[in-house]
Amino acid sequence: MTPPLALKAKMKTLNGNWIQDVVEAPTFKKGAFTGKAKKAGHTTKEYMRMVLEDPQDFPSETVRQARFMKTLMGFNE
């Protein structure tokens, strides 16, 4: 059985505006991942790669943020 949140995300993907919905959500912490990267002395892209290479070394929230950043950066390629 598909969790309701995942099903909702799939439906929003069909509508094409799921990223905007995520960014506008009240729980979205805009700039948090970039802040973590700067604090660690890396660019956002470098930090994203570090987190995704060794996800067990980072909190789950940071791993989720890195995956989201990878998705966003994929649209620019």
PDB file of N, CA and C in Angstrom:
ATOM      1  N   MET A   1       0.838  -1.181   0.000  1.00  0.00           N
ATOM      2  CA  MET A   1       0.000   0.000   0.000  1.00  0.00           C
ATOM      3  C   MET A   1       0.886   1.248   0.000  1.00  0.00           C
ATOM      4  N   THR A   2       0.548   2.180  -0.848  1.00  0.00           N
ATOM      5  CA  THR A   2       1.309   3.425  -0.953  1.00  0.00           C
ATOM      6  C   THR A   2       0.901   4.377   0.161  1.00  0.00           C
ATOM      7  N   PRO A   3       1.884   4.928   0.902  1.00  0.00           N
ATOM      8  CA  PRO A   3       1.549   5.901   1.954  1.00  0.00           C
ATOM      9  C   PRO A   3       0.838   7.114   1.355  1.00  0.00           C
ATOM     10  N   PRO A   4      -0.091   7.709   2.112  1.00  0.00           N
ATOM     11  CA  PRO A   4      -0.847   8.852   1.587  1.00  0.00           C
ATOM     12  C   PRO A   4       0.027  10.001   1.102  1.00  0.00           C
ATOM     13  N   LEU A   5       1.115  10.281   1.823  1.00  0.00           N
ATOM     14  CA  LEU A   5       1.992  11.384   1.422  1.00  0.00           C
ATOM     15  C   LEU A   5       2.655  11.096   0.079  1.00  0.00           C
ATOM     16  N   ALA A   6       3.088   9.844  -0.119  1.00  0.00           N
ATOM     17  CA  ALA A   6       3.717   9.474  -1.387  1.00  0.00           C
ATOM     18  C   ALA A   6       2.707   9.547  -2.526  1.00  0.00           C
ATOM     19  N   LEU A   7       1.489   9.108  -2.263  1.00  0.00           N
ATOM     20  CA  LEU A   7       0.439   9.171  -3.272  1.00  0.00           C
ATOM     21  C   LEU A   7       0.135  10.617  -3.639  1.00  0.00           C
ATOM     22  N   LYS A   8       0.090  11.474  -2.634  1.00  0.00           N
ATOM     23  CA  LYS A   8      -0.150  12.894  -2.869  1.00  0.00           C
ATOM     24  C   LYS A   8       0.976  13.493  -3.712  1.00  0.00           C
ATOM     25  N   ALA A   9       2.211  13.108  -3.434  1.00  0.00           N
ATOM     26  CA  ALA A   9       3.362  13.603  -4.197  1.00  0.00           C
ATOM     27  C   ALA A   9       3.284  13.137  -5.649  1.00  0.00           C
ATOM     28  N   LYS A  10       2.867  11.882  -5.864  1.00  0.00           N
ATOM     29  CA  LYS A  10       2.728  11.377  -7.227  1.00  0.00           C
ATOM     30  C   LYS A  10       1.673  12.157  -8.000  1.00  0.00           C
ATOM     31  N   MET A  11       0.580  12.466  -7.339  1.00  0.00           N
ATOM     32  CA  MET A  11      -0.481  13.228  -7.992  1.00  0.00           C
ATOM     33  C   MET A  11       0.003  14.637  -8.333  1.00  0.00           C
ATOM     34  N   LYS A  12       0.762  15.248  -7.443  1.00  0.00           N
ATOM     35  CA  LYS A  12       1.272  16.593  -7.703  1.00  0.00           C
ATOM     36  C   LYS A  12       2.286  16.560  -8.835  1.00  0.00           C
ATOM     37  N   THR A  13       3.032  15.457  -8.958  1.00  0.00           N
ATOM     38  CA  THR A  13       3.986  15.324 -10.045  1.00  0.00           C
ATOM     39  C   THR A  13       3.247  15.340 -11.377  1.00  0.00           C
ATOM     40  N   LEU A  14       2.108  14.695 -11.412  1.00  0.00           N
ATOM     41  CA  LEU A  14       1.316  14.693 -12.630  1.00  0.00           C
ATOM     42  C   LEU A  14       0.854  16.105 -12.985  1.00  0.00           C
ATOM     43  N   ASN A  15       0.600  16.919 -11.976  1.00  0.00           N
ATOM     44  CA  ASN A  15       0.194  18.296 -12.214  1.00  0.00           C
ATOM     45  C   ASN A  15       1.376  19.180 -12.581  1.00  0.00           C
ATOM     46  N   GLY A  16       2.587  18.758 -12.271  1.00  0.00           N
ATOM     47  CA  GLY A  16       3.780  19.487 -12.654  1.00  0.00           C
ATOM     48  C   GLY A  16       4.192  20.598 -11.699  1.00  0.00           C
ATOM     49  N   ASN A  17       3.552  20.745 -10.551  1.00  0.00           N
ATOM     50  CA  ASN A  17       3.894  21.844  -9.650  1.00  0.00           C
ATOM     51  C   ASN A  17       4.301  21.358  -8.262  1.00  0.00           C
ATOM     52  N   TRP A  18       4.813  20.155  -8.169  1.00  0.00           N
ATOM     53  CA  TRP A  18       5.125  19.596  -6.855  1.00  0.00           C
ATOM     54  C   TRP A  18       6.277  20.317  -6.167  1.00  0.00           C
ATOM     55  N   ILE A  19       7.250  20.820  -6.920  1.00  0.00           N
ATOM     56  CA  ILE A  19       8.380  21.516  -6.298  1.00  0.00           C
ATOM     57  C   ILE A  19       7.897  22.808  -5.647  1.00  0.00           C
ATOM     58  N   GLN A  20       7.078  23.540  -6.338  1.00  0.00           N
ATOM     59  CA  GLN A  20       6.530  24.780  -5.780  1.00  0.00           C
ATOM     60  C   GLN A  20       5.737  24.481  -4.513  1.00  0.00           C
ATOM     61  N   ASP A  21       4.978  23.384  -4.517  1.00  0.00           N
ATOM     62  CA  ASP A  21       4.208  23.005  -3.330  1.00  0.00           C
ATOM     63  C   ASP A  21       5.118  22.688  -2.152  1.00  0.00           C
ATOM     64  N   VAL A  22       6.235  22.024  -2.425  1.00  0.00           N
ATOM     65  CA  VAL A  22       7.185  21.693  -1.356  1.00  0.00           C
ATOM     66  C   VAL A  22       7.800  22.967  -0.793  1.00  0.00           C
ATOM     67  N   VAL A  23       8.255  23.849  -1.669  1.00  0.00           N
ATOM     68  CA  VAL A  23       8.935  25.067  -1.243  1.00  0.00           C
ATOM     69  C   VAL A  23       7.995  25.997  -0.476  1.00  0.00           C
ATOM     70  N   GLU A  24       6.737  26.003  -0.827  1.00  0.00           N
ATOM     71  CA  GLU A  24       5.768  26.876  -0.165  1.00  0.00           C
ATOM     72  C   GLU A  24       5.170  26.265   1.103  1.00  0.00           C
ATOM     73  N   ALA A  25       5.510  25.012   1.395  1.00  0.00           N
ATOM     74  CA  ALA A  25       4.991  24.360   2.595  1.00  0.00           C
ATOM     75  C   ALA A  25       5.518  25.062   3.847  1.00  0.00           C
ATOM     76  N   PRO A  26       4.697  25.162   4.885  1.00  0.00           N
ATOM     77  CA  PRO A  26       5.133  25.864   6.096  1.00  0.00           C
ATOM     78  C   PRO A  26       6.310  25.194   6.811  1.00  0.00           C
ATOM     79  N   THR A  27       6.530  23.915   6.589  1.00  0.00           N
ATOM     80  CA  THR A  27       7.624  23.214   7.260  1.00  0.00           C
ATOM     81  C   THR A  27       8.938  23.289   6.476  1.00  0.00           C
ATOM     82  N   PHE A  28       8.911  23.847   5.279  1.00  0.00           N
ATOM     83  CA  PHE A  28      10.113  23.949   4.453  1.00  0.00           C
ATOM     84  C   PHE A  28      11.029  25.023   5.023  1.00  0.00           C
ATOM     85  N   LYS A  29      12.281  24.653   5.251  1.00  0.00           N
ATOM     86  CA  LYS A  29      13.267  25.579   5.823  1.00  0.00           C
ATOM     87  C   LYS A  29      14.139  26.121   4.695  1.00  0.00           C
ATOM     88  N   LYS A  30      13.712  27.231   4.118  1.00  0.00           N
ATOM     89  CA  LYS A  30      14.415  27.805   2.977  1.00  0.00           C
ATOM     90  C   LYS A  30      15.823  28.258   3.386  1.00  0.00           C
ATOM     91  N   GLY A  31      16.812  27.801   2.638  1.00  0.00           N
ATOM     92  CA  GLY A  31      18.195  28.178   2.880  1.00  0.00           C
ATOM     93  C   GLY A  31      18.914  27.343   3.928  1.00  0.00           C
ATOM     94  N   ALA A  32      18.234  26.394   4.526  1.00  0.00           N
ATOM     95  CA  ALA A  32      18.850  25.604   5.599  1.00  0.00           C
ATOM     96  C   ALA A  32      20.011  24.750   5.090  1.00  0.00           C
ATOM     97  N   PHE A  33      19.828  24.103   3.951  1.00  0.00           N
ATOM     98  CA  PHE A  33      20.888  23.239   3.431  1.00  0.00           C
ATOM     99  C   PHE A  33      22.096  24.063   2.988  1.00  0.00           C
ATOM    100  N   THR A  34      21.854  25.181   2.346  1.00  0.00           N
ATOM    101  CA  THR A  34      22.946  26.061   1.928  1.00  0.00           C
ATOM    102  C   THR A  34      23.703  26.581   3.148  1.00  0.00           C
ATOM    103  N   GLY A  35      22.980  26.894   4.205  1.00  0.00           N
ATOM    104  CA  GLY A  35      23.614  27.333   5.445  1.00  0.00           C
ATOM    105  C   GLY A  35      24.505  26.259   6.045  1.00  0.00           C
ATOM    106  N   LYS A  36      24.028  25.020   6.011  1.00  0.00           N
ATOM    107  CA  LYS A  36      24.833  23.906   6.516  1.00  0.00           C
ATOM    108  C   LYS A  36      26.107  23.742   5.680  1.00  0.00           C
ATOM    109  N   ALA A  37      25.965  23.895   4.368  1.00  0.00           N
ATOM    110  CA  ALA A  37      27.121  23.760   3.479  1.00  0.00           C
ATOM    111  C   ALA A  37      28.147  24.850   3.760  1.00  0.00           C
ATOM    112  N   LYS A  38      27.693  26.083   3.893  1.00  0.00           N
ATOM    113  CA  LYS A  38      28.610  27.198   4.164  1.00  0.00           C
ATOM    114  C   LYS A  38      29.299  27.028   5.510  1.00  0.00           C
ATOM    115  N   LYS A  39      28.532  26.571   6.501  1.00  0.00           N
ATOM    116  CA  LYS A  39      29.101  26.354   7.834  1.00  0.00           C
ATOM    117  C   LYS A  39      30.192  25.278   7.796  1.00  0.00           C
ATOM    118  N   ALA A  40      30.021  24.291   6.922  1.00  0.00           N
ATOM    119  CA  ALA A  40      31.006  23.220   6.776  1.00  0.00           C
ATOM    120  C   ALA A  40      32.161  23.633   5.859  1.00  0.00           C
ATOM    121  N   GLY A  41      32.062  24.816   5.251  1.00  0.00           N
ATOM    122  CA  GLY A  41      33.132  25.310   4.393  1.00  0.00           C
ATOM    123  C   GLY A  41      33.100  24.769   2.974  1.00  0.00           C
ATOM    124  N   HIS A  42      31.905  24.428   2.482  1.00  0.00           N
ATOM    125  CA  HIS A  42      31.749  23.862   1.142  1.00  0.00           C
ATOM    126  C   HIS A  42      30.677  24.617   0.370  1.00  0.00           C
ATOM    127  N   THR A  43      30.686  24.424  -0.937  1.00  0.00           N
ATOM    128  CA  THR A  43      29.586  24.937  -1.738  1.00  0.00           C
ATOM    129  C   THR A  43      28.405  23.989  -1.541  1.00  0.00           C
ATOM    130  N   THR A  44      27.246  24.425  -1.974  1.00  0.00           N
ATOM    131  CA  THR A  44      26.061  23.582  -1.839  1.00  0.00           C
ATOM    132  C   THR A  44      26.235  22.276  -2.599  1.00  0.00           C
ATOM    133  N   LYS A  45      26.778  22.357  -3.797  1.00  0.00           N
ATOM    134  CA  LYS A  45      26.952  21.166  -4.628  1.00  0.00           C
ATOM    135  C   LYS A  45      27.965  20.198  -4.008  1.00  0.00           C
ATOM    136  N   GLU A  46      29.062  20.727  -3.484  1.00  0.00           N
ATOM    137  CA  GLU A  46      30.073  19.878  -2.842  1.00  0.00           C
ATOM    138  C   GLU A  46      29.479  19.172  -1.622  1.00  0.00           C
ATOM    139  N   TYR A  47      28.766  19.929  -0.822  1.00  0.00           N
ATOM    140  CA  TYR A  47      28.174  19.366   0.393  1.00  0.00           C
ATOM    141  C   TYR A  47      27.122  18.318   0.047  1.00  0.00           C
ATOM    142  N   MET A  48      26.330  18.587  -0.993  1.00  0.00           N
ATOM    143  CA  MET A  48      25.323  17.628  -1.436  1.00  0.00           C
ATOM    144  C   MET A  48      25.995  16.303  -1.806  1.00  0.00           C
ATOM    145  N   ARG A  49      27.083  16.380  -2.548  1.00  0.00           N
ATOM    146  CA  ARG A  49      27.793  15.161  -2.950  1.00  0.00           C
ATOM    147  C   ARG A  49      28.364  14.425  -1.739  1.00  0.00           C
ATOM    148  N   MET A  50      28.913  15.185  -0.784  1.00  0.00           N
ATOM    149  CA  MET A  50      29.456  14.563   0.434  1.00  0.00           C
ATOM    150  C   MET A  50      28.371  13.810   1.185  1.00  0.00           C
ATOM    151  N   VAL A  51      27.231  14.440   1.349  1.00  0.00           N
ATOM    152  CA  VAL A  51      26.130  13.837   2.095  1.00  0.00           C
ATOM    153  C   VAL A  51      25.620  12.591   1.387  1.00  0.00           C
ATOM    154  N   LEU A  52      25.467  12.659   0.072  1.00  0.00           N
ATOM    155  CA  LEU A  52      24.929  11.521  -0.668  1.00  0.00           C
ATOM    156  C   LEU A  52      25.927  10.373  -0.798  1.00  0.00           C
ATOM    157  N   GLU A  53      27.219  10.662  -0.705  1.00  0.00           N
ATOM    158  CA  GLU A  53      28.226   9.592  -0.751  1.00  0.00           C
ATOM    159  C   GLU A  53      28.243   8.786   0.546  1.00  0.00           C
ATOM    160  N   ASP A  54      28.024   9.445   1.685  1.00  0.00           N
ATOM    161  CA  ASP A  54      28.033   8.773   2.990  1.00  0.00           C
ATOM    162  C   ASP A  54      26.827   9.214   3.819  1.00  0.00           C
ATOM    163  N   PRO A  55      25.613   8.830   3.409  1.00  0.00           N
ATOM    164  CA  PRO A  55      24.421   9.313   4.112  1.00  0.00           C
ATOM    165  C   PRO A  55      24.337   8.871   5.577  1.00  0.00           C
ATOM    166  N   GLN A  56      24.993   7.778   5.921  1.00  0.00           N
ATOM    167  CA  GLN A  56      24.945   7.295   7.304  1.00  0.00           C
ATOM    168  C   GLN A  56      25.696   8.220   8.261  1.00  0.00           C
ATOM    169  N   ASP A  57      26.537   9.100   7.718  1.00  0.00           N
ATOM    170  CA  ASP A  57      27.307  10.023   8.553  1.00  0.00           C
ATOM    171  C   ASP A  57      26.569  11.326   8.855  1.00  0.00           C
ATOM    172  N   PHE A  58      25.353  11.486   8.312  1.00  0.00           N
ATOM    173  CA  PHE A  58      24.605  12.728   8.456  1.00  0.00           C
ATOM    174  C   PHE A  58      23.196  12.452   8.981  1.00  0.00           C
ATOM    175  N   PRO A  59      22.589  13.446   9.625  1.00  0.00           N
ATOM    176  CA  PRO A  59      21.202  13.282  10.091  1.00  0.00           C
ATOM    177  C   PRO A  59      20.260  13.055   8.904  1.00  0.00           C
ATOM    178  N   SER A  60      19.163  12.355   9.147  1.00  0.00           N
ATOM    179  CA  SER A  60      18.221  12.035   8.067  1.00  0.00           C
ATOM    180  C   SER A  60      17.658  13.291   7.412  1.00  0.00           C
ATOM    181  N   GLU A  61      17.462  14.358   8.178  1.00  0.00           N
ATOM    182  CA  GLU A  61      16.954  15.605   7.600  1.00  0.00           C
ATOM    183  C   GLU A  61      17.938  16.158   6.564  1.00  0.00           C
ATOM    184  N   THR A  62      19.220  16.103   6.867  1.00  0.00           N
ATOM    185  CA  THR A  62      20.235  16.603   5.944  1.00  0.00           C
ATOM    186  C   THR A  62      20.286  15.745   4.688  1.00  0.00           C
ATOM    187  N   VAL A  63      20.114  14.443   4.837  1.00  0.00           N
ATOM    188  CA  VAL A  63      20.105  13.543   3.680  1.00  0.00           C
ATOM    189  C   VAL A  63      18.906  13.860   2.787  1.00  0.00           C
ATOM    190  N   ARG A  64      17.747  14.086   3.384  1.00  0.00           N
ATOM    191  CA  ARG A  64      16.559  14.444   2.602  1.00  0.00           C
ATOM    192  C   ARG A  64      16.772  15.772   1.870  1.00  0.00           C
ATOM    193  N   GLN A  65      17.384  16.722   2.552  1.00  0.00           N
ATOM    194  CA  GLN A  65      17.659  18.015   1.920  1.00  0.00           C
ATOM    195  C   GLN A  65      18.627  17.846   0.748  1.00  0.00           C
ATOM    196  N   ALA A  66      19.626  16.991   0.916  1.00  0.00           N
ATOM    197  CA  ALA A  66      20.602  16.751  -0.155  1.00  0.00           C
ATOM    198  C   ALA A  66      19.921  16.109  -1.360  1.00  0.00           C
ATOM    199  N   ARG A  67      19.031  15.170  -1.120  1.00  0.00           N
ATOM    200  CA  ARG A  67      18.302  14.537  -2.222  1.00  0.00           C
ATOM    201  C   ARG A  67      17.431  15.558  -2.953  1.00  0.00           C
ATOM    202  N   PHE A  68      16.802  16.436  -2.198  1.00  0.00           N
ATOM    203  CA  PHE A  68      15.970  17.471  -2.806  1.00  0.00           C
ATOM    204  C   PHE A  68      16.834  18.418  -3.640  1.00  0.00           C
ATOM    205  N   MET A  69      17.998  18.793  -3.121  1.00  0.00           N
ATOM    206  CA  MET A  69      18.906  19.665  -3.863  1.00  0.00           C
ATOM    207  C   MET A  69      19.374  18.987  -5.152  1.00  0.00           C
ATOM    208  N   LYS A  70      19.633  17.688  -5.081  1.00  0.00           N
ATOM    209  CA  LYS A  70      20.050  16.951  -6.279  1.00  0.00           C
ATOM    210  C   LYS A  70      18.948  16.996  -7.325  1.00  0.00           C
ATOM    211  N   THR A  71      17.709  16.847  -6.891  1.00  0.00           N
ATOM    212  CA  THR A  71      16.584  16.934  -7.797  1.00  0.00           C
ATOM    213  C   THR A  71      16.511  18.312  -8.443  1.00  0.00           C
ATOM    214  N   LEU A  72      16.641  19.350  -7.629  1.00  0.00           N
ATOM    215  CA  LEU A  72      16.584  20.706  -8.161  1.00  0.00           C
ATOM    216  C   LEU A  72      17.731  21.002  -9.121  1.00  0.00           C
ATOM    217  N   MET A  73      18.919  20.559  -8.770  1.00  0.00           N
ATOM    218  CA  MET A  73      20.075  20.808  -9.619  1.00  0.00           C
ATOM    219  C   MET A  73      19.984  20.024 -10.924  1.00  0.00           C
ATOM    220  N   GLY A  74      19.275  18.904 -10.903  1.00  0.00           N
ATOM    221  CA  GLY A  74      19.100  18.090 -12.111  1.00  0.00           C
ATOM    222  C   GLY A  74      18.292  18.812 -13.176  1.00  0.00           C
ATOM    223  N   PHE A  75      17.452  19.754 -12.780  1.00  0.00           N
ATOM    224  CA  PHE A  75      16.654  20.484 -13.747  1.00  0.00           C
ATOM    225  C   PHE A  75      17.491  21.481 -14.534  1.00  0.00           C
ATOM    226  N   ASN A  76      18.659  21.846 -14.006  1.00  0.00           N
ATOM    227  CA  ASN A  76      19.522  22.826 -14.670  1.00  0.00           C
ATOM    228  C   ASN A  76      20.443  22.190 -15.699  1.00  0.00           C
ATOM    229  N   GLU A  77      20.510  20.889 -15.727  1.00  0.00           N
ATOM    230  CA  GLU A  77      21.451  20.214 -16.646  1.00  0.00           C
ATOM    231  C   GLU A  77      20.821  19.960 -17.998  1.00  0.00           C
TER     232      GLU A  77
END
